[in-house]
Amino acid sequence: MSPSAVNGDSQNGTNQHLTDTAVAKALNEANTKLVSDNLAEKKSNGPSHAGLDASLLTVQRSEVLKDMSKAAPTGCTDHMITCQWTLSNGWAAPKLVPFGPLSIMPNASVLHC
């Protein structure tokens, strides 16, 4: 590194001597601003949502089990996992429940073009 890069550019009228302390202070201020900007961005993007936590899984076993040797080629099992998601809270605790129909709202966007 050239002396002018460390001590400043004397041709432009600056004579800034960067000591270890000054560099550390500048890096600390830049890091503080970066953290502050990231927090502001998170707040502007809405609430923080809970991630899916598999350790909260609850189990409700099916009372009638299929004979898997005669199972249909679709490979459906006796159970399925469901998990509710909401805008305000994110993922709820997942549930292992007996295989069955799903409930879906008629105006769900997946049903419309």
C-alpha atoms as a PDB file:
ATOM      1  CA  MET A   1       0.000   0.000   0.000  1.00  0.00           C
ATOM      2  CA  SER A   2       1.354   3.419  -0.875  1.00  0.00           C
ATOM      3  CA  PRO A   3       2.028   6.016   1.846  1.00  0.00           C
ATOM      4  CA  SER A   4      -0.613   8.332   0.329  1.00  0.00           C
ATOM      5  CA  ALA A   5      -3.250   5.582   0.735  1.00  0.00           C
ATOM      6  CA  VAL A   6      -2.372   5.255   4.398  1.00  0.00           C
ATOM      7  CA  ASN A   7      -1.737   8.899   5.247  1.00  0.00           C
ATOM      8  CA  GLY A   8      -4.263  10.504   2.931  1.00  0.00           C
ATOM      9  CA  ASP A   9      -3.871  12.139  -0.455  1.00  0.00           C
ATOM     10  CA  SER A  10      -1.778  15.275   0.006  1.00  0.00           C
ATOM     11  CA  GLN A  11      -2.409  16.317  -3.624  1.00  0.00           C
ATOM     12  CA  ASN A  12      -6.107  16.823  -2.836  1.00  0.00           C
ATOM     13  CA  GLY A  13      -5.363  18.828   0.281  1.00  0.00           C
ATOM     14  CA  THR A  14      -6.168  16.048   2.751  1.00  0.00           C
ATOM     15  CA  ASN A  15      -3.646  14.908   5.282  1.00  0.00           C
ATOM     16  CA  GLN A  16      -5.574  12.233   7.150  1.00  0.00           C
ATOM     17  CA  HIS A  17      -3.408   9.855   9.128  1.00  0.00           C
ATOM     18  CA  LEU A  18      -5.229   6.550   9.680  1.00  0.00           C
ATOM     19  CA  THR A  19      -4.059   4.930  12.882  1.00  0.00           C
ATOM     20  CA  ASP A  20      -5.137   1.487  14.031  1.00  0.00           C
ATOM     21  CA  THR A  21      -7.571   3.173  16.404  1.00  0.00           C
ATOM     22  CA  ALA A  22      -9.060   5.319  13.631  1.00  0.00           C
ATOM     23  CA  VAL A  23      -9.460   2.305  11.331  1.00  0.00           C
ATOM     24  CA  ALA A  24     -11.089   0.272  14.127  1.00  0.00           C
ATOM     25  CA  LYS A  25     -13.451   3.164  14.885  1.00  0.00           C
ATOM     26  CA  ALA A  26     -14.388   3.540  11.195  1.00  0.00           C
ATOM     27  CA  LEU A  27     -15.036  -0.216  10.873  1.00  0.00           C
ATOM     28  CA  ASN A  28     -17.123  -0.208  14.074  1.00  0.00           C
ATOM     29  CA  GLU A  29     -19.226   2.712  12.811  1.00  0.00           C
ATOM     30  CA  ALA A  30     -19.737   1.003   9.431  1.00  0.00           C
ATOM     31  CA  ASN A  31     -20.741  -2.260  11.142  1.00  0.00           C
ATOM     32  CA  THR A  32     -23.162  -0.437  13.467  1.00  0.00           C
ATOM     33  CA  LYS A  33     -24.785   1.268  10.471  1.00  0.00           C
ATOM     34  CA  LEU A  34     -25.049  -2.051   8.617  1.00  0.00           C
ATOM     35  CA  VAL A  35     -26.758  -3.736  11.593  1.00  0.00           C
ATOM     36  CA  SER A  36     -29.083  -0.746  12.007  1.00  0.00           C
ATOM     37  CA  ASP A  37     -29.985  -0.783   8.289  1.00  0.00           C
ATOM     38  CA  ASN A  38     -30.686  -4.547   8.422  1.00  0.00           C
ATOM     39  CA  LEU A  39     -32.996  -4.118  11.436  1.00  0.00           C
ATOM     40  CA  ALA A  40     -34.844  -1.289   9.698  1.00  0.00           C
ATOM     41  CA  GLU A  41     -35.261  -3.446   6.580  1.00  0.00           C
ATOM     42  CA  LYS A  42     -36.629  -6.354   8.652  1.00  0.00           C
ATOM     43  CA  LYS A  43     -39.177  -4.048  10.316  1.00  0.00           C
ATOM     44  CA  SER A  44     -40.283  -2.654   6.957  1.00  0.00           C
ATOM     45  CA  ASN A  45     -40.787  -6.167   5.545  1.00  0.00           C
ATOM     46  CA  GLY A  46     -43.418  -7.010   8.139  1.00  0.00           C
ATOM     47  CA  PRO A  47     -43.501  -9.359  11.104  1.00  0.00           C
ATOM     48  CA  SER A  48     -40.954 -12.084  11.615  1.00  0.00           C
ATOM     49  CA  HIS A  49     -42.485 -15.519  11.038  1.00  0.00           C
ATOM     50  CA  ALA A  50     -41.811 -18.685  12.956  1.00  0.00           C
ATOM     51  CA  GLY A  51     -40.035 -21.375  10.989  1.00  0.00           C
ATOM     52  CA  LEU A  52     -41.291 -24.937  10.830  1.00  0.00           C
ATOM     53  CA  ASP A  53     -40.105 -26.755  13.983  1.00  0.00           C
ATOM     54  CA  ALA A  54     -40.290 -30.537  13.525  1.00  0.00           C
ATOM     55  CA  SER A  55     -39.531 -31.090  17.223  1.00  0.00           C
ATOM     56  CA  LEU A  56     -43.095 -29.885  17.989  1.00  0.00           C
ATOM     57  CA  LEU A  57     -44.666 -32.736  15.975  1.00  0.00           C
ATOM     58  CA  THR A  58     -47.724 -34.318  17.595  1.00  0.00           C
ATOM     59  CA  VAL A  59     -48.944 -37.793  16.577  1.00  0.00           C
ATOM     60  CA  GLN A  60     -52.515 -39.065  16.204  1.00  0.00           C
ATOM     61  CA  ARG A  61     -52.380 -42.687  15.046  1.00  0.00           C
ATOM     62  CA  SER A  62     -54.900 -44.136  12.643  1.00  0.00           C
ATOM     63  CA  GLU A  63     -57.248 -46.717  14.184  1.00  0.00           C
ATOM     64  CA  VAL A  64     -57.436 -48.774  10.980  1.00  0.00           C
ATOM     65  CA  LEU A  65     -54.191 -49.620   9.192  1.00  0.00           C
ATOM     66  CA  LYS A  66     -54.009 -50.622   5.509  1.00  0.00           C
ATOM     67  CA  ASP A  67     -52.537 -53.892   4.381  1.00  0.00           C
ATOM     68  CA  MET A  68     -49.468 -52.426   2.650  1.00  0.00           C
ATOM     69  CA  SER A  69     -48.972 -55.618   0.602  1.00  0.00           C
ATOM     70  CA  LYS A  70     -52.230 -54.747  -1.195  1.00  0.00           C
ATOM     71  CA  ALA A  71     -51.728 -50.962  -1.243  1.00  0.00           C
ATOM     72  CA  ALA A  72     -52.573 -49.015  -4.374  1.00  0.00           C
ATOM     73  CA  PRO A  73     -49.657 -48.052  -6.634  1.00  0.00           C
ATOM     74  CA  THR A  74     -50.024 -44.433  -5.518  1.00  0.00           C
ATOM     75  CA  GLY A  75     -48.110 -45.341  -2.369  1.00  0.00           C
ATOM     76  CA  CYS A  76     -50.511 -43.601  -0.001  1.00  0.00           C
ATOM     77  CA  THR A  77     -49.881 -44.382   3.619  1.00  0.00           C
ATOM     78  CA  ASP A  78     -52.095 -44.497   6.674  1.00  0.00           C
ATOM     79  CA  HIS A  79     -50.947 -41.078   7.862  1.00  0.00           C
ATOM     80  CA  MET A  80     -50.126 -37.587   6.615  1.00  0.00           C
ATOM     81  CA  ILE A  81     -48.552 -34.517   8.131  1.00  0.00           C
ATOM     82  CA  THR A  82     -50.476 -31.258   8.294  1.00  0.00           C
ATOM     83  CA  CYS A  83     -49.289 -27.878   9.456  1.00  0.00           C
ATOM     84  CA  GLN A  84     -51.107 -24.568   9.569  1.00  0.00           C
ATOM     85  CA  TRP A  85     -49.442 -21.314   8.469  1.00  0.00           C
ATOM     86  CA  THR A  86     -50.731 -17.828   9.226  1.00  0.00           C
ATOM     87  CA  LEU A  87     -49.440 -14.420   8.206  1.00  0.00           C
ATOM     88  CA  SER A  88     -49.273 -13.237  11.807  1.00  0.00           C
ATOM     89  CA  ASN A  89     -47.477 -16.257  13.338  1.00  0.00           C
ATOM     90  CA  GLY A  90     -45.905 -18.293  10.539  1.00  0.00           C
ATOM     91  CA  TRP A  91     -45.846 -22.089  11.000  1.00  0.00           C
ATOM     92  CA  ALA A  92     -47.768 -23.769  13.805  1.00  0.00           C
ATOM     93  CA  ALA A  93     -46.786 -27.132  15.314  1.00  0.00           C
ATOM     94  CA  PRO A  94     -46.948 -29.921  12.694  1.00  0.00           C
ATOM     95  CA  LYS A  95     -49.333 -32.845  13.222  1.00  0.00           C
ATOM     96  CA  LEU A  96     -49.132 -36.450  12.028  1.00  0.00           C
ATOM     97  CA  VAL A  97     -52.770 -37.455  11.517  1.00  0.00           C
ATOM     98  CA  PRO A  98     -54.715 -40.312   9.864  1.00  0.00           C
ATOM     99  CA  PHE A  99     -54.813 -40.074   6.070  1.00  0.00           C
ATOM    100  CA  GLY A 100     -57.909 -38.191   4.905  1.00  0.00           C
ATOM    101  CA  PRO A 101     -59.311 -35.370   2.818  1.00  0.00           C
ATOM    102  CA  LEU A 102     -57.902 -31.848   2.948  1.00  0.00           C
ATOM    103  CA  SER A 103     -60.047 -28.815   3.646  1.00  0.00           C
ATOM    104  CA  ILE A 104     -59.456 -25.930   1.222  1.00  0.00           C
ATOM    105  CA  MET A 105     -61.226 -22.612   0.737  1.00  0.00           C
ATOM    106  CA  PRO A 106     -63.051 -22.250  -2.612  1.00  0.00           C
ATOM    107  CA  ASN A 107     -61.322 -18.925  -3.244  1.00  0.00           C
ATOM    108  CA  ALA A 108     -57.795 -20.314  -2.730  1.00  0.00           C
ATOM    109  CA  SER A 109     -55.540 -18.903  -5.434  1.00  0.00           C
ATOM    110  CA  VAL A 110     -54.312 -22.393  -6.317  1.00  0.00           C
ATOM    111  CA  LEU A 111     -57.786 -23.102  -7.747  1.00  0.00           C
ATOM    112  CA  HIS A 112     -57.913 -19.987  -9.967  1.00  0.00           C
ATOM    113  CA  CYS A 113     -56.038 -18.885 -13.073  1.00  0.00           C
END
